[in-house]
Amino acid sequence: MDNPDDIFTEPEASPDTLANLGPLRRLAGTWEGMRGVDINPKADGPEQRDFQERIVMQPIDAQTNGPQLFYGLRYHVEINTPDELIAFHEQTGYWLWEPATNLILQTVAIPRGLVALAAGHAGPNDDRLIVEARRGEMEYGICATSFLEQAFRTDSYRLEIDFHDDGTWSYVSDTSLMVRGRDAFLHRDRNRLTKVAEPEPNAWARRLQAGEATAEQ
């Protein structure tokens, strides 16, 4: 998409992020899933592990790039197995939605030296979200440490989320890896999550609420 002639003027944003998240609204809150399945590469071959997962997604204030306006969620993922205390996967980032174009972004930061920016499109009432990123792309790509590039290179990432009528949502995450000395490997995770806590208002909305409460008193 071509940029507009005016790349500096910012649009008027709403202070209420939760009311403007479009298809991301159903992700807001704290979620738990106890029946996750992970298939990952090991020296002796693919390993399947069952895992439990907790995801916290909280709204952030509206974000602008000149005329581009995003509403979004800040998220944190923690995954471990039922018989282990240590988390075997941590992930943080943002989910963003641009109402003007239906663009969806997921930023991914994993503390093993890997980051990604995945993109897709979805309307406000869509029941499915799909975002993708590919190694080597300048816009929606993947970047990793030199060790990961040489030993466990990530060539592509795809996340598919489905919202269900009972308020839960499920996902399938596919990561294509090139493991040194072996064929390409499809690393797949899947889980279904249930809400355990509602989201909090974003900071701008909280400040306005506090000011209104003070004025009324």
Protein backbone atom coordinates (compact mmCIF):
# COMPACT_ATOMS: atom_id res chain seq x y z
CA MET A 1 0.00 0.00 0.00
CA ASP A 2 1.32 3.45 -0.92
CA ASN A 3 1.94 5.93 1.85
CA PRO A 4 -0.23 9.09 1.92
CA ASP A 5 1.34 12.40 0.95
CA ASP A 6 1.02 13.64 4.54
CA ILE A 7 3.04 11.23 6.69
CA PHE A 8 3.07 13.40 9.83
CA THR A 9 -0.50 14.33 10.77
CA GLU A 10 -1.90 11.96 13.37
CA PRO A 11 -5.60 10.96 13.49
CA GLU A 12 -7.75 11.46 16.55
CA ALA A 13 -7.62 8.35 18.73
CA SER A 14 -10.06 6.98 21.28
CA PRO A 15 -8.90 6.64 24.89
CA ASP A 16 -10.89 3.39 25.23
CA THR A 17 -8.73 0.72 23.64
CA LEU A 18 -10.98 -2.18 24.69
CA ALA A 19 -13.85 -0.69 22.68
CA ASN A 20 -11.69 -0.36 19.55
CA LEU A 21 -9.77 -3.63 19.32
CA GLY A 22 -11.92 -5.10 16.57
CA PRO A 23 -11.12 -8.81 16.15
CA LEU A 24 -8.55 -8.65 18.96
CA ARG A 25 -11.19 -7.83 21.60
CA ARG A 26 -11.83 -11.51 22.26
CA LEU A 27 -8.15 -12.03 23.13
CA ALA A 28 -8.13 -9.45 25.95
CA GLY A 29 -7.77 -10.89 29.45
CA THR A 30 -5.89 -13.69 31.20
CA TRP A 31 -6.10 -17.19 29.74
CA GLU A 32 -5.11 -20.70 30.72
CA GLY A 33 -4.88 -23.90 28.71
CA MET A 34 -3.96 -27.23 30.27
CA ARG A 35 -3.94 -29.54 27.24
CA GLY A 36 -1.33 -28.07 24.94
CA VAL A 37 0.75 -30.29 22.65
CA ASP A 38 4.25 -29.39 21.43
CA ILE A 39 6.18 -31.27 18.72
CA ASN A 40 9.83 -30.20 18.60
CA PRO A 41 13.14 -31.45 17.19
CA LYS A 42 15.57 -33.46 19.35
CA ALA A 43 18.79 -35.36 18.63
CA ASP A 44 16.94 -38.70 18.58
CA GLY A 45 14.04 -37.40 16.51
CA PRO A 46 10.81 -35.46 17.04
CA GLU A 47 9.58 -35.19 20.63
CA GLN A 48 5.99 -34.63 21.70
CA ARG A 49 5.35 -32.89 25.00
CA ASP A 50 2.09 -32.03 26.72
CA PHE A 51 2.12 -28.58 28.28
CA GLN A 52 0.11 -26.08 30.28
CA GLU A 53 0.00 -22.42 29.32
CA ARG A 54 -0.88 -19.04 30.77
CA ILE A 55 -1.30 -15.96 28.56
CA VAL A 56 -1.92 -12.42 29.84
CA MET A 57 -3.15 -9.85 27.29
CA GLN A 58 -3.75 -6.29 28.46
CA PRO A 59 -4.82 -3.27 26.37
CA ILE A 60 -2.33 -0.49 25.64
CA ASP A 61 -2.96 3.13 24.67
CA ALA A 62 -3.55 3.84 20.98
CA GLN A 63 -0.35 3.97 18.92
CA THR A 64 0.32 6.10 15.83
CA ASN A 65 2.84 6.25 13.01
CA GLY A 66 1.80 9.61 11.61
CA PRO A 67 -1.58 8.85 9.95
CA GLN A 68 -1.40 5.14 10.85
CA LEU A 69 -3.44 4.28 13.96
CA PHE A 70 -3.24 1.02 15.92
CA TYR A 71 -5.17 -0.32 18.89
CA GLY A 72 -3.56 -3.23 20.64
CA LEU A 73 -2.73 -5.62 23.43
CA ARG A 74 0.52 -6.26 25.27
CA TYR A 75 0.93 -9.98 25.92
CA HIS A 76 3.05 -12.41 27.90
CA VAL A 77 3.09 -16.19 27.42
CA GLU A 78 4.49 -18.73 29.89
CA ILE A 79 4.50 -22.46 29.15
CA ASN A 80 5.65 -25.40 31.23
CA THR A 81 4.93 -29.09 31.66
CA PRO A 82 2.84 -30.57 34.47
CA ASP A 83 5.91 -32.29 35.99
CA GLU A 84 8.42 -29.41 35.70
CA LEU A 85 8.74 -26.15 37.63
CA ILE A 86 10.80 -24.28 35.02
CA ALA A 87 9.05 -22.63 32.08
CA PHE A 88 10.31 -24.17 28.84
CA HIS A 89 8.88 -21.32 26.75
CA GLU A 90 8.52 -17.58 27.42
CA GLN A 91 7.25 -15.06 24.90
CA THR A 92 6.29 -11.41 24.96
CA GLY A 93 5.06 -8.92 22.41
CA TYR A 94 2.08 -6.99 21.07
CA TRP A 95 -1.05 -7.69 19.08
CA LEU A 96 -2.04 -4.65 16.98
CA TRP A 97 -5.04 -3.88 14.76
CA GLU A 98 -5.35 -1.02 12.26
CA PRO A 99 -9.09 -0.28 11.81
CA ALA A 100 -8.54 1.65 8.56
CA THR A 101 -7.08 -1.36 6.72
CA ASN A 102 -7.95 -4.41 8.92
CA LEU A 103 -4.21 -5.06 9.22
CA ILE A 104 -3.26 -7.29 12.16
CA LEU A 105 0.28 -7.50 13.53
CA GLN A 106 1.82 -9.78 16.10
CA THR A 107 5.27 -8.96 17.42
CA VAL A 108 7.11 -11.96 18.85
CA ALA A 109 10.10 -11.81 21.22
CA ILE A 110 11.51 -15.07 22.57
CA PRO A 111 14.38 -14.91 25.09
CA ARG A 112 16.60 -17.29 23.17
CA GLY A 113 17.56 -14.61 20.66
CA LEU A 114 14.65 -14.59 18.22
CA VAL A 115 12.17 -11.90 17.19
CA ALA A 116 9.53 -11.73 14.47
CA LEU A 117 6.87 -9.43 13.05
CA ALA A 118 3.91 -11.41 11.68
CA ALA A 119 1.04 -9.91 9.69
CA GLY A 120 -2.44 -10.74 8.43
CA HIS A 121 -5.85 -9.14 7.93
CA ALA A 122 -9.17 -9.60 9.73
CA GLY A 123 -12.44 -7.69 10.04
CA PRO A 124 -13.95 -6.63 13.37
CA ASN A 125 -16.23 -9.67 13.64
CA ASP A 126 -14.04 -12.37 12.13
CA ASP A 127 -13.86 -15.70 13.96
CA ARG A 128 -10.39 -16.57 12.68
CA LEU A 129 -7.05 -14.73 12.78
CA ILE A 130 -4.04 -15.76 10.72
CA VAL A 131 -0.65 -14.04 10.83
CA GLU A 132 2.55 -15.03 9.07
CA ALA A 133 6.22 -14.02 8.92
CA ARG A 134 9.10 -15.21 6.74
CA ARG A 135 12.85 -15.10 7.08
CA GLY A 136 14.47 -12.58 4.76
CA GLU A 137 11.43 -10.35 4.40
CA MET A 138 12.09 -6.65 5.07
CA GLU A 139 8.54 -5.83 6.19
CA TYR A 140 7.19 -8.86 8.04
CA GLY A 141 10.25 -10.94 8.84
CA ILE A 142 12.22 -13.00 11.34
CA CYS A 143 15.56 -12.16 12.96
CA ALA A 144 17.71 -14.42 15.16
CA THR A 145 21.16 -14.89 16.67
CA SER A 146 24.02 -16.29 14.61
CA PHE A 147 23.82 -19.59 16.52
CA LEU A 148 20.14 -20.06 15.74
CA GLU A 149 20.72 -19.08 12.12
CA GLN A 150 23.36 -21.80 11.80
CA ALA A 151 21.84 -24.55 13.96
CA PHE A 152 18.04 -24.06 14.10
CA ARG A 153 17.17 -21.57 11.39
CA THR A 154 13.57 -20.33 11.40
CA ASP A 155 12.36 -19.95 7.82
CA SER A 156 8.68 -19.21 8.43
CA TYR A 157 6.10 -18.73 11.16
CA ARG A 158 2.31 -19.05 10.92
CA LEU A 159 -0.22 -18.70 13.72
CA GLU A 160 -3.89 -19.53 13.24
CA ILE A 161 -6.43 -18.63 15.95
CA ASP A 162 -10.07 -19.72 16.04
CA PHE A 163 -12.65 -18.19 18.37
CA HIS A 164 -15.35 -20.51 19.70
CA ASP A 165 -18.96 -19.89 20.71
CA ASP A 166 -18.27 -20.83 24.36
CA GLY A 167 -15.80 -17.94 24.76
CA THR A 168 -12.66 -20.06 24.45
CA TRP A 169 -10.15 -19.81 21.63
CA SER A 170 -7.68 -22.27 20.17
CA TYR A 171 -4.53 -21.93 18.10
CA VAL A 172 -2.15 -23.87 15.90
CA SER A 173 1.36 -22.45 15.61
CA ASP A 174 3.58 -23.77 12.79
CA THR A 175 7.25 -22.85 12.62
CA SER A 176 9.37 -24.18 9.77
CA LEU A 177 12.89 -24.91 11.00
CA MET A 178 16.02 -25.88 9.13
CA VAL A 179 18.00 -28.00 11.61
CA ARG A 180 21.69 -28.26 10.75
CA GLY A 181 22.52 -31.55 9.05
CA ARG A 182 18.86 -32.57 8.73
CA ASP A 183 15.79 -32.00 6.62
CA ALA A 184 13.37 -29.15 7.26
CA PHE A 185 11.30 -29.66 10.43
CA LEU A 186 7.77 -28.44 11.14
CA HIS A 187 7.62 -27.36 14.79
CA ARG A 188 3.94 -27.36 15.80
CA ASP A 189 2.20 -26.17 18.98
CA ARG A 190 -1.52 -26.23 19.64
CA ASN A 191 -3.77 -25.49 22.60
CA ARG A 192 -7.24 -24.30 23.63
CA LEU A 193 -7.52 -21.52 26.20
CA THR A 194 -10.16 -20.46 28.71
CA LYS A 195 -10.47 -17.00 30.24
CA VAL A 196 -9.66 -16.83 33.97
CA ALA A 197 -9.59 -13.02 34.44
CA GLU A 198 -10.95 -9.96 32.64
CA PRO A 199 -8.59 -7.32 31.19
CA GLU A 200 -7.83 -4.03 32.89
CA PRO A 201 -8.45 -0.69 31.13
CA ASN A 202 -5.50 0.85 29.32
CA ALA A 203 -3.52 3.61 31.04
CA TRP A 204 -5.22 6.53 29.24
CA ALA A 205 -8.66 5.16 30.08
CA ARG A 206 -7.67 4.61 33.72
CA ARG A 207 -6.47 8.20 34.06
CA LEU A 208 -9.71 9.54 32.60
CA GLN A 209 -11.74 7.35 34.94
CA ALA A 210 -9.74 8.57 37.94
CA GLY A 211 -10.25 12.20 36.89
CA GLU A 212 -14.01 11.71 36.48
CA ALA A 213 -14.24 10.07 39.90
CA THR A 214 -12.34 12.97 41.50
CA ALA A 215 -14.53 15.57 39.80
CA GLU A 216 -17.71 13.86 41.01
CA GLN A 217 -16.47 13.84 44.59
